[in-house]
């Protein structure tokens, strides 16, 4: 592995670990969604890094990342709509309150 590739992979790993930590420790649904987006952005960064170093002349990793960002934006919009509906039903976005809600 090239040493200059490591300069790009370390921030990606830090982003992913911060996303996992936030996902596991937060109780607010918005904070969990932000942590999930952080993990997805870290994976997108890895796609671009490995495409750049394994296949320098091609653009497949970057095009795949564009599709992944578009899907992440759609997923975020749907997740925020669900969180807004949960907030209207329960009154807050705490995970413990949502667990108690039964239909």
PDB file of N, CA and C in Angstrom:
ATOM      1  N   UNK A   1       0.843  -1.174   0.000  1.00  0.00           N
ATOM      2  CA  UNK A   1       0.000   0.000   0.000  1.00  0.00           C
ATOM      3  C   UNK A   1       0.889   1.237   0.000  1.00  0.00           C
ATOM      4  N   UNK A   2       0.510   2.178  -0.810  1.00  0.00           N
ATOM      5  CA  UNK A   2       1.241   3.425  -0.937  1.00  0.00           C
ATOM      6  C   UNK A   2       1.064   4.261   0.334  1.00  0.00           C
ATOM      7  N   UNK A   3       2.132   4.916   0.766  1.00  0.00           N
ATOM      8  CA  UNK A   3       2.072   5.719   1.990  1.00  0.00           C
ATOM      9  C   UNK A   3       1.161   6.927   1.831  1.00  0.00           C
ATOM     10  N   UNK A   4       1.097   7.498   0.622  1.00  0.00           N
ATOM     11  CA  UNK A   4       0.204   8.644   0.421  1.00  0.00           C
ATOM     12  C   UNK A   4      -1.265   8.231   0.485  1.00  0.00           C
ATOM     13  N   UNK A   5      -1.547   6.964   0.184  1.00  0.00           N
ATOM     14  CA  UNK A   5      -2.925   6.460   0.310  1.00  0.00           C
ATOM     15  C   UNK A   5      -3.347   6.422   1.773  1.00  0.00           C
ATOM     16  N   UNK A   6      -2.384   6.188   2.651  1.00  0.00           N
ATOM     17  CA  UNK A   6      -2.667   6.137   4.078  1.00  0.00           C
ATOM     18  C   UNK A   6      -3.138   7.483   4.611  1.00  0.00           C
ATOM     19  N   UNK A   7      -2.646   8.581   4.028  1.00  0.00           N
ATOM     20  CA  UNK A   7      -3.065   9.916   4.450  1.00  0.00           C
ATOM     21  C   UNK A   7      -4.548  10.150   4.170  1.00  0.00           C
ATOM     22  N   UNK A   8      -5.101   9.432   3.218  1.00  0.00           N
ATOM     23  CA  UNK A   8      -6.525   9.558   2.918  1.00  0.00           C
ATOM     24  C   UNK A   8      -7.363   8.529   3.674  1.00  0.00           C
ATOM     25  N   UNK A   9      -6.791   7.381   3.953  1.00  0.00           N
ATOM     26  CA  UNK A   9      -7.543   6.334   4.647  1.00  0.00           C
ATOM     27  C   UNK A   9      -7.707   6.599   6.138  1.00  0.00           C
ATOM     28  N   UNK A  10      -6.739   7.247   6.748  1.00  0.00           N
ATOM     29  CA  UNK A  10      -6.827   7.519   8.188  1.00  0.00           C
ATOM     30  C   UNK A  10      -8.021   8.418   8.520  1.00  0.00           C
ATOM     31  N   UNK A  11      -8.243   9.541   7.825  1.00  0.00           N
ATOM     32  CA  UNK A  11      -9.450  10.330   8.137  1.00  0.00           C
ATOM     33  C   UNK A  11     -10.743   9.560   7.866  1.00  0.00           C
ATOM     34  N   UNK A  12     -10.728   8.696   6.865  1.00  0.00           N
ATOM     35  CA  UNK A  12     -11.908   7.893   6.577  1.00  0.00           C
ATOM     36  C   UNK A  12     -12.202   6.929   7.716  1.00  0.00           C
ATOM     37  N   UNK A  13     -11.169   6.314   8.254  1.00  0.00           N
ATOM     38  CA  UNK A  13     -11.351   5.396   9.383  1.00  0.00           C
ATOM     39  C   UNK A  13     -11.818   6.161  10.621  1.00  0.00           C
ATOM     40  N   UNK A  14     -11.257   7.341  10.847  1.00  0.00           N
ATOM     41  CA  UNK A  14     -11.674   8.160  11.988  1.00  0.00           C
ATOM     42  C   UNK A  14     -13.142   8.557  11.855  1.00  0.00           C
ATOM     43  N   UNK A  15     -13.552   8.940  10.644  1.00  0.00           N
ATOM     44  CA  UNK A  15     -14.963   9.274  10.415  1.00  0.00           C
ATOM     45  C   UNK A  15     -15.862   8.079  10.689  1.00  0.00           C
ATOM     46  N   UNK A  16     -15.452   6.906  10.230  1.00  0.00           N
ATOM     47  CA  UNK A  16     -16.273   5.718  10.416  1.00  0.00           C
ATOM     48  C   UNK A  16     -16.382   5.339  11.893  1.00  0.00           C
ATOM     49  N   UNK A  17     -15.278   5.420  12.610  1.00  0.00           N
ATOM     50  CA  UNK A  17     -15.296   5.085  14.040  1.00  0.00           C
ATOM     51  C   UNK A  17     -16.149   6.096  14.807  1.00  0.00           C
ATOM     52  N   UNK A  18     -16.053   7.372  14.472  1.00  0.00           N
ATOM     53  CA  UNK A  18     -16.906   8.383  15.112  1.00  0.00           C
ATOM     54  C   UNK A  18     -18.377   8.116  14.812  1.00  0.00           C
ATOM     55  N   UNK A  19     -18.680   7.679  13.601  1.00  0.00           N
ATOM     56  CA  UNK A  19     -20.053   7.345  13.246  1.00  0.00           C
ATOM     57  C   UNK A  19     -20.568   6.153  14.028  1.00  0.00           C
ATOM     58  N   UNK A  20     -19.748   5.133  14.188  1.00  0.00           N
ATOM     59  CA  UNK A  20     -20.154   3.958  14.979  1.00  0.00           C
ATOM     60  C   UNK A  20     -20.364   4.350  16.440  1.00  0.00           C
ATOM     61  N   UNK A  21     -19.457   5.149  16.975  1.00  0.00           N
ATOM     62  CA  UNK A  21     -19.587   5.582  18.364  1.00  0.00           C
ATOM     63  C   UNK A  21     -20.877   6.391  18.558  1.00  0.00           C
ATOM     64  N   UNK A  22     -21.150   7.311  17.659  1.00  0.00           N
ATOM     65  CA  UNK A  22     -22.371   8.104  17.759  1.00  0.00           C
ATOM     66  C   UNK A  22     -23.617   7.264  17.590  1.00  0.00           C
ATOM     67  N   UNK A  23     -23.566   6.288  16.707  1.00  0.00           N
ATOM     68  CA  UNK A  23     -24.719   5.418  16.481  1.00  0.00           C
ATOM     69  C   UNK A  23     -25.023   4.569  17.708  1.00  0.00           C
ATOM     70  N   UNK A  24     -23.988   4.116  18.388  1.00  0.00           N
ATOM     71  CA  UNK A  24     -24.188   3.240  19.544  1.00  0.00           C
ATOM     72  C   UNK A  24     -24.529   3.990  20.826  1.00  0.00           C
ATOM     73  N   UNK A  25     -24.093   5.223  20.961  1.00  0.00           N
ATOM     74  CA  UNK A  25     -24.239   5.910  22.239  1.00  0.00           C
ATOM     75  C   UNK A  25     -25.362   6.933  22.277  1.00  0.00           C
ATOM     76  N   UNK A  26     -25.843   7.413  21.167  1.00  0.00           N
ATOM     77  CA  UNK A  26     -26.858   8.469  21.170  1.00  0.00           C
ATOM     78  C   UNK A  26     -28.241   7.904  21.386  1.00  0.00           C
ATOM     79  N   UNK A  27     -29.097   8.706  21.996  1.00  0.00           N
ATOM     80  CA  UNK A  27     -30.488   8.323  22.234  1.00  0.00           C
ATOM     81  C   UNK A  27     -31.458   9.099  21.357  1.00  0.00           C
ATOM     82  N   UNK A  28     -30.988  10.157  20.726  1.00  0.00           N
ATOM     83  CA  UNK A  28     -31.823  10.988  19.875  1.00  0.00           C
ATOM     84  C   UNK A  28     -31.796  10.455  18.441  1.00  0.00           C
ATOM     85  N   UNK A  29     -32.958  10.363  17.812  1.00  0.00           N
ATOM     86  CA  UNK A  29     -33.017   9.810  16.455  1.00  0.00           C
ATOM     87  C   UNK A  29     -32.272  10.672  15.432  1.00  0.00           C
ATOM     88  N   UNK A  30     -32.293  11.976  15.598  1.00  0.00           N
ATOM     89  CA  UNK A  30     -31.570  12.857  14.670  1.00  0.00           C
ATOM     90  C   UNK A  30     -30.063  12.631  14.794  1.00  0.00           C
ATOM     91  N   UNK A  31     -29.555  12.497  16.009  1.00  0.00           N
ATOM     92  CA  UNK A  31     -28.129  12.244  16.210  1.00  0.00           C
ATOM     93  C   UNK A  31     -27.729  10.889  15.632  1.00  0.00           C
ATOM     94  N   UNK A  32     -28.604   9.905  15.756  1.00  0.00           N
ATOM     95  CA  UNK A  32     -28.328   8.590  15.169  1.00  0.00           C
ATOM     96  C   UNK A  32     -28.293   8.686  13.652  1.00  0.00           C
ATOM     97  N   UNK A  33     -29.191   9.459  13.069  1.00  0.00           N
ATOM     98  CA  UNK A  33     -29.204   9.650  11.617  1.00  0.00           C
ATOM     99  C   UNK A  33     -27.933  10.356  11.147  1.00  0.00           C
ATOM    100  N   UNK A  34     -27.479  11.344  11.885  1.00  0.00           N
ATOM    101  CA  UNK A  34     -26.239  12.044  11.534  1.00  0.00           C
ATOM    102  C   UNK A  34     -25.053  11.085  11.608  1.00  0.00           C
ATOM    103  N   UNK A  35     -25.024  10.230  12.617  1.00  0.00           N
ATOM    104  CA  UNK A  35     -23.940   9.249  12.740  1.00  0.00           C
ATOM    105  C   UNK A  35     -23.959   8.253  11.589  1.00  0.00           C
ATOM    106  N   UNK A  36     -25.144   7.845  11.180  1.00  0.00           N
ATOM    107  CA  UNK A  36     -25.270   6.939  10.040  1.00  0.00           C
ATOM    108  C   UNK A  36     -24.767   7.605   8.764  1.00  0.00           C
ATOM    109  N   UNK A  37     -25.095   8.869   8.576  1.00  0.00           N
ATOM    110  CA  UNK A  37     -24.607   9.597   7.397  1.00  0.00           C
ATOM    111  C   UNK A  37     -23.085   9.746   7.424  1.00  0.00           C
ATOM    112  N   UNK A  38     -22.520   9.898   8.614  1.00  0.00           N
ATOM    113  CA  UNK A  38     -21.070   9.983   8.733  1.00  0.00           C
ATOM    114  C   UNK A  38     -20.413   8.681   8.287  1.00  0.00           C
ATOM    115  N   UNK A  39     -21.016   7.555   8.658  1.00  0.00           N
ATOM    116  CA  UNK A  39     -20.477   6.266   8.226  1.00  0.00           C
ATOM    117  C   UNK A  39     -20.613   6.087   6.716  1.00  0.00           C
ATOM    118  N   UNK A  40     -21.734   6.514   6.145  1.00  0.00           N
ATOM    119  CA  UNK A  40     -21.915   6.407   4.691  1.00  0.00           C
ATOM    120  C   UNK A  40     -20.918   7.290   3.932  1.00  0.00           C
ATOM    121  N   UNK A  41     -20.662   8.485   4.447  1.00  0.00           N
ATOM    122  CA  UNK A  41     -19.682   9.366   3.798  1.00  0.00           C
ATOM    123  C   UNK A  41     -18.279   8.805   3.886  1.00  0.00           C
ATOM    124  N   UNK A  42     -17.977   8.116   4.966  1.00  0.00           N
ATOM    125  CA  UNK A  42     -16.679   7.467   5.080  1.00  0.00           C
ATOM    126  C   UNK A  42     -16.527   6.358   4.036  1.00  0.00           C
ATOM    127  N   UNK A  43     -17.577   5.591   3.833  1.00  0.00           N
ATOM    128  CA  UNK A  43     -17.534   4.541   2.802  1.00  0.00           C
ATOM    129  C   UNK A  43     -17.396   5.157   1.412  1.00  0.00           C
ATOM    130  N   UNK A  44     -18.079   6.258   1.162  1.00  0.00           N
ATOM    131  CA  UNK A  44     -17.951   6.938  -0.133  1.00  0.00           C
ATOM    132  C   UNK A  44     -16.525   7.444  -0.357  1.00  0.00           C
ATOM    133  N   UNK A  45     -15.934   7.949   0.688  1.00  0.00           N
ATOM    134  CA  UNK A  45     -14.549   8.399   0.592  1.00  0.00           C
ATOM    135  C   UNK A  45     -13.618   7.233   0.262  1.00  0.00           C
ATOM    136  N   UNK A  46     -13.882   6.073   0.837  1.00  0.00           N
ATOM    137  CA  UNK A  46     -13.079   4.889   0.524  1.00  0.00           C
ATOM    138  C   UNK A  46     -13.238   4.467  -0.930  1.00  0.00           C
ATOM    139  N   UNK A  47     -14.458   4.560  -1.478  1.00  0.00           N
ATOM    140  CA  UNK A  47     -14.651   4.249  -2.893  1.00  0.00           C
ATOM    141  C   UNK A  47     -13.758   5.118  -3.771  1.00  0.00           C
ATOM    142  N   UNK A  48     -13.720   6.397  -3.487  1.00  0.00           N
ATOM    143  CA  UNK A  48     -12.918   7.318  -4.295  1.00  0.00           C
ATOM    144  C   UNK A  48     -11.425   7.044  -4.110  1.00  0.00           C
ATOM    145  N   UNK A  49     -11.008   6.789  -2.885  1.00  0.00           N
ATOM    146  CA  UNK A  49      -9.586   6.544  -2.613  1.00  0.00           C
ATOM    147  C   UNK A  49      -9.095   5.292  -3.344  1.00  0.00           C
ATOM    148  N   UNK A  50      -9.839   4.194  -3.204  1.00  0.00           N
ATOM    149  CA  UNK A  50      -9.388   2.955  -3.832  1.00  0.00           C
ATOM    150  C   UNK A  50      -9.500   3.021  -5.355  1.00  0.00           C
ATOM    151  N   UNK A  51     -10.473   3.740  -5.881  1.00  0.00           N
ATOM    152  CA  UNK A  51     -10.548   3.915  -7.326  1.00  0.00           C
ATOM    153  C   UNK A  51      -9.350   4.711  -7.833  1.00  0.00           C
ATOM    154  N   UNK A  52      -8.968   5.727  -7.110  1.00  0.00           N
ATOM    155  CA  UNK A  52      -7.853   6.583  -7.528  1.00  0.00           C
ATOM    156  C   UNK A  52      -6.539   5.818  -7.549  1.00  0.00           C
ATOM    157  N   UNK A  53      -6.321   4.940  -6.570  1.00  0.00           N
ATOM    158  CA  UNK A  53      -5.032   4.255  -6.477  1.00  0.00           C
ATOM    159  C   UNK A  53      -4.992   2.916  -7.199  1.00  0.00           C
ATOM    160  N   UNK A  54      -6.128   2.235  -7.343  1.00  0.00           N
ATOM    161  CA  UNK A  54      -6.109   0.962  -8.048  1.00  0.00           C
ATOM    162  C   UNK A  54      -6.301   1.121  -9.546  1.00  0.00           C
ATOM    163  N   UNK A  55      -7.184   2.039  -9.940  1.00  0.00           N
ATOM    164  CA  UNK A  55      -7.473   2.275 -11.355  1.00  0.00           C
ATOM    165  C   UNK A  55      -7.427   3.778 -11.618  1.00  0.00           C
ATOM    166  N   UNK A  56      -6.217   4.354 -11.759  1.00  0.00           N
ATOM    167  CA  UNK A  56      -6.099   5.818 -11.846  1.00  0.00           C
ATOM    168  C   UNK A  56      -6.777   6.441 -13.062  1.00  0.00           C
ATOM    169  N   UNK A  57      -6.949   5.721 -14.129  1.00  0.00           N
ATOM    170  CA  UNK A  57      -7.531   6.315 -15.321  1.00  0.00           C
ATOM    171  C   UNK A  57      -9.037   6.209 -15.410  1.00  0.00           C
ATOM    172  N   UNK A  58      -9.650   5.454 -14.535  1.00  0.00           N
ATOM    173  CA  UNK A  58     -11.089   5.235 -14.649  1.00  0.00           C
ATOM    174  C   UNK A  58     -11.845   6.068 -13.614  1.00  0.00           C
ATOM    175  N   UNK A  59     -13.151   6.168 -13.837  1.00  0.00           N
ATOM    176  CA  UNK A  59     -13.984   7.000 -12.974  1.00  0.00           C
ATOM    177  C   UNK A  59     -15.086   6.203 -12.283  1.00  0.00           C
ATOM    178  N   UNK A  60     -15.001   4.868 -12.266  1.00  0.00           N
ATOM    179  CA  UNK A  60     -16.086   4.065 -11.723  1.00  0.00           C
ATOM    180  C   UNK A  60     -16.336   4.342 -10.247  1.00  0.00           C
ATOM    181  N   UNK A  61     -15.286   4.485  -9.451  1.00  0.00           N
ATOM    182  CA  UNK A  61     -15.450   4.746  -8.031  1.00  0.00           C
ATOM    183  C   UNK A  61     -16.129   6.075  -7.758  1.00  0.00           C
ATOM    184  N   UNK A  62     -15.785   7.071  -8.559  1.00  0.00           N
ATOM    185  CA  UNK A  62     -16.387   8.390  -8.373  1.00  0.00           C
ATOM    186  C   UNK A  62     -17.843   8.416  -8.828  1.00  0.00           C
ATOM    187  N   UNK A  63     -18.134   7.706  -9.893  1.00  0.00           N
ATOM    188  CA  UNK A  63     -19.525   7.627 -10.361  1.00  0.00           C
ATOM    189  C   UNK A  63     -20.362   6.835  -9.360  1.00  0.00           C
ATOM    190  N   UNK A  64     -19.806   5.750  -8.840  1.00  0.00           N
ATOM    191  CA  UNK A  64     -20.512   4.976  -7.822  1.00  0.00           C
ATOM    192  C   UNK A  64     -20.760   5.824  -6.577  1.00  0.00           C
ATOM    193  N   UNK A  65     -19.791   6.660  -6.221  1.00  0.00           N
ATOM    194  CA  UNK A  65     -19.950   7.545  -5.070  1.00  0.00           C
ATOM    195  C   UNK A  65     -21.047   8.566  -5.314  1.00  0.00           C
ATOM    196  N   UNK A  66     -21.160   9.082  -6.528  1.00  0.00           N
ATOM    197  CA  UNK A  66     -22.249  10.016  -6.834  1.00  0.00           C
ATOM    198  C   UNK A  66     -23.609   9.364  -6.658  1.00  0.00           C
ATOM    199  N   UNK A  67     -23.751   8.122  -7.116  1.00  0.00           N
ATOM    200  CA  UNK A  67     -25.011   7.407  -6.907  1.00  0.00           C
ATOM    201  C   UNK A  67     -25.254   7.136  -5.428  1.00  0.00           C
ATOM    202  N   UNK A  68     -24.201   6.805  -4.693  1.00  0.00           N
ATOM    203  CA  UNK A  68     -24.351   6.546  -3.261  1.00  0.00           C
ATOM    204  C   UNK A  68     -24.754   7.809  -2.512  1.00  0.00           C
ATOM    205  N   UNK A  69     -24.220   8.953  -2.893  1.00  0.00           N
ATOM    206  CA  UNK A  69     -24.606  10.218  -2.264  1.00  0.00           C
ATOM    207  C   UNK A  69     -26.056  10.545  -2.577  1.00  0.00           C
ATOM    208  N   UNK A  70     -26.485  10.298  -3.801  1.00  0.00           N
ATOM    209  CA  UNK A  70     -27.883  10.544  -4.166  1.00  0.00           C
ATOM    210  C   UNK A  70     -28.818   9.632  -3.376  1.00  0.00           C
ATOM    211  N   UNK A  71     -28.449   8.369  -3.239  1.00  0.00           N
ATOM    212  CA  UNK A  71     -29.264   7.453  -2.438  1.00  0.00           C
ATOM    213  C   UNK A  71     -29.264   7.840  -0.966  1.00  0.00           C
ATOM    214  N   UNK A  72     -28.138   8.314  -0.456  1.00  0.00           N
ATOM    215  CA  UNK A  72     -28.075   8.751   0.936  1.00  0.00           C
ATOM    216  C   UNK A  72     -28.952   9.979   1.169  1.00  0.00           C
ATOM    217  N   UNK A  73     -29.022  10.868   0.188  1.00  0.00           N
ATOM    218  CA  UNK A  73     -29.893  12.034   0.318  1.00  0.00           C
ATOM    219  C   UNK A  73     -31.357  11.616   0.346  1.00  0.00           C
ATOM    220  N   UNK A  74     -31.730  10.672  -0.500  1.00  0.00           N
ATOM    221  CA  UNK A  74     -33.107  10.172  -0.491  1.00  0.00           C
ATOM    222  C   UNK A  74     -33.408   9.450   0.817  1.00  0.00           C
ATOM    223  N   UNK A  75     -32.474   8.668   1.293  1.00  0.00           N
ATOM    224  CA  UNK A  75     -32.655   7.966   2.567  1.00  0.00           C
ATOM    225  C   UNK A  75     -32.798   8.947   3.716  1.00  0.00           C
ATOM    226  N   UNK A  76     -32.035  10.023   3.694  1.00  0.00           N
ATOM    227  CA  UNK A  76     -32.129  11.030   4.744  1.00  0.00           C
ATOM    228  C   UNK A  76     -33.476  11.728   4.721  1.00  0.00           C
ATOM    229  N   UNK A  77     -33.967  12.040   3.552  1.00  0.00           N
ATOM    230  CA  UNK A  77     -35.273  12.697   3.450  1.00  0.00           C
ATOM    231  C   UNK A  77     -36.375  11.800   4.003  1.00  0.00           C
ATOM    232  N   UNK A  78     -36.325  10.531   3.674  1.00  0.00           N
ATOM    233  CA  UNK A  78     -37.340   9.598   4.181  1.00  0.00           C
ATOM    234  C   UNK A  78     -37.191   9.419   5.695  1.00  0.00           C
ATOM    235  N   UNK A  79     -35.962   9.314   6.176  1.00  0.00           N
ATOM    236  CA  UNK A  79     -35.740   9.146   7.614  1.00  0.00           C
ATOM    237  C   UNK A  79     -36.205  10.368   8.399  1.00  0.00           C
ATOM    238  N   UNK A  80     -35.969  11.555   7.877  1.00  0.00           N
ATOM    239  CA  UNK A  80     -36.430  12.763   8.567  1.00  0.00           C
ATOM    240  C   UNK A  80     -37.953  12.818   8.577  1.00  0.00           C
ATOM    241  N   UNK A  81     -38.598  12.391   7.508  1.00  0.00           N
ATOM    242  CA  UNK A  81     -40.067  12.348   7.493  1.00  0.00           C
ATOM    243  C   UNK A  81     -40.591  11.367   8.539  1.00  0.00           C
ATOM    244  N   UNK A  82     -39.945  10.227   8.666  1.00  0.00           N
ATOM    245  CA  UNK A  82     -40.345   9.259   9.688  1.00  0.00           C
ATOM    246  C   UNK A  82     -40.123   9.818  11.088  1.00  0.00           C
ATOM    247  N   UNK A  83     -38.999  10.490  11.297  1.00  0.00           N
ATOM    248  CA  UNK A  83     -38.710  11.073  12.605  1.00  0.00           C
ATOM    249  C   UNK A  83     -39.716  12.160  12.954  1.00  0.00           C
ATOM    250  N   UNK A  84     -40.122  12.965  11.976  1.00  0.00           N
ATOM    251  CA  UNK A  84     -41.135  13.997  12.223  1.00  0.00           C
ATOM    252  C   UNK A  84     -42.462  13.359  12.624  1.00  0.00           C
ATOM    253  N   UNK A  85     -42.842  12.272  11.969  1.00  0.00           N
ATOM    254  CA  UNK A  85     -44.083  11.579  12.338  1.00  0.00           C
ATOM    255  C   UNK A  85     -43.977  10.960  13.734  1.00  0.00           C
ATOM    256  N   UNK A  86     -42.834  10.430  14.089  1.00  0.00           N
ATOM    257  CA  UNK A  86     -42.643   9.902  15.438  1.00  0.00           C
ATOM    258  C   UNK A  86     -42.723  11.030  16.457  1.00  0.00           C
ATOM    259  N   UNK A  87     -42.144  12.173  16.136  1.00  0.00           N
ATOM    260  CA  UNK A  87     -42.202  13.314  17.052  1.00  0.00           C
ATOM    261  C   UNK A  87     -43.643  13.781  17.262  1.00  0.00           C
ATOM    262  N   UNK A  88     -44.426  13.777  16.203  1.00  0.00           N
ATOM    263  CA  UNK A  88     -45.835  14.167  16.333  1.00  0.00           C
ATOM    264  C   UNK A  88     -46.619  13.178  17.179  1.00  0.00           C
ATOM    265  N   UNK A  89     -46.294  11.903  17.088  1.00  0.00           N
ATOM    266  CA  UNK A  89     -47.037  10.880  17.837  1.00  0.00           C
ATOM    267  C   UNK A  89     -46.597  10.792  19.294  1.00  0.00           C
ATOM    268  N   UNK A  90     -45.300  10.877  19.548  1.00  0.00           N
ATOM    269  CA  UNK A  90     -44.777  10.653  20.890  1.00  0.00           C
ATOM    270  C   UNK A  90     -44.510  11.966  21.618  1.00  0.00           C
ATOM    271  N   UNK A  91     -44.000  12.953  20.923  1.00  0.00           N
ATOM    272  CA  UNK A  91     -43.688  14.232  21.546  1.00  0.00           C
ATOM    273  C   UNK A  91     -42.208  14.490  21.702  1.00  0.00           C
ATOM    274  N   UNK A  92     -41.380  13.485  21.490  1.00  0.00           N
ATOM    275  CA  UNK A  92     -39.932  13.674  21.467  1.00  0.00           C
ATOM    276  C   UNK A  92     -39.313  12.602  20.577  1.00  0.00           C
ATOM    277  N   UNK A  93     -38.007  12.687  20.395  1.00  0.00           N
ATOM    278  CA  UNK A  93     -37.327  11.736  19.513  1.00  0.00           C
ATOM    279  C   UNK A  93     -36.349  10.861  20.284  1.00  0.00           C
ATOM    280  N   UNK A  94     -36.671  10.582  21.535  1.00  0.00           N
ATOM    281  CA  UNK A  94     -35.839   9.718  22.364  1.00  0.00           C
ATOM    282  C   UNK A  94     -36.111   8.259  22.005  1.00  0.00           C
ATOM    283  N   UNK A  95     -35.053   7.472  21.881  1.00  0.00           N
ATOM    284  CA  UNK A  95     -35.187   6.068  21.500  1.00  0.00           C
ATOM    285  C   UNK A  95     -36.006   5.292  22.528  1.00  0.00           C
ATOM    286  N   UNK A  96     -35.828   5.580  23.797  1.00  0.00           N
ATOM    287  CA  UNK A  96     -36.556   4.840  24.831  1.00  0.00           C
ATOM    288  C   UNK A  96     -38.051   5.086  24.730  1.00  0.00           C
ATOM    289  N   UNK A  97     -38.475   6.285  24.373  1.00  0.00           N
ATOM    290  CA  UNK A  97     -39.902   6.568  24.209  1.00  0.00           C
ATOM    291  C   UNK A  97     -40.467   5.864  22.978  1.00  0.00           C
ATOM    292  N   UNK A  98     -39.665   5.772  21.937  1.00  0.00           N
ATOM    293  CA  UNK A  98     -40.113   5.107  20.719  1.00  0.00           C
ATOM    294  C   UNK A  98     -40.254   3.605  20.958  1.00  0.00           C
ATOM    295  N   UNK A  99     -39.383   3.029  21.762  1.00  0.00           N
ATOM    296  CA  UNK A  99     -39.475   1.600  22.080  1.00  0.00           C
ATOM    297  C   UNK A  99     -40.755   1.282  22.838  1.00  0.00           C
ATOM    298  N   UNK A 100     -41.225   2.216  23.651  1.00  0.00           N
ATOM    299  CA  UNK A 100     -42.433   1.991  24.433  1.00  0.00           C
ATOM    300  C   UNK A 100     -43.692   2.147  23.600  1.00  0.00           C
ATOM    301  N   UNK A 101     -43.589   2.829  22.457  1.00  0.00           N
ATOM    302  CA  UNK A 101     -44.744   3.066  21.615  1.00  0.00           C
ATOM    303  C   UNK A 101     -45.112   1.758  20.883  1.00  0.00           C
ATOM    304  N   UNK A 102     -46.313   1.281  21.080  1.00  0.00           N
ATOM    305  CA  UNK A 102     -46.778   0.053  20.426  1.00  0.00           C
ATOM    306  C   UNK A 102     -48.020   0.376  19.636  1.00  0.00           C
ATOM    307  N   UNK A 103     -48.138  -0.260  18.494  1.00  0.00           N
ATOM    308  CA  UNK A 103     -49.329  -0.049  17.658  1.00  0.00           C
ATOM    309  C   UNK A 103     -50.223  -1.239  17.746  1.00  0.00           C
TER     310      UNK A 103
END
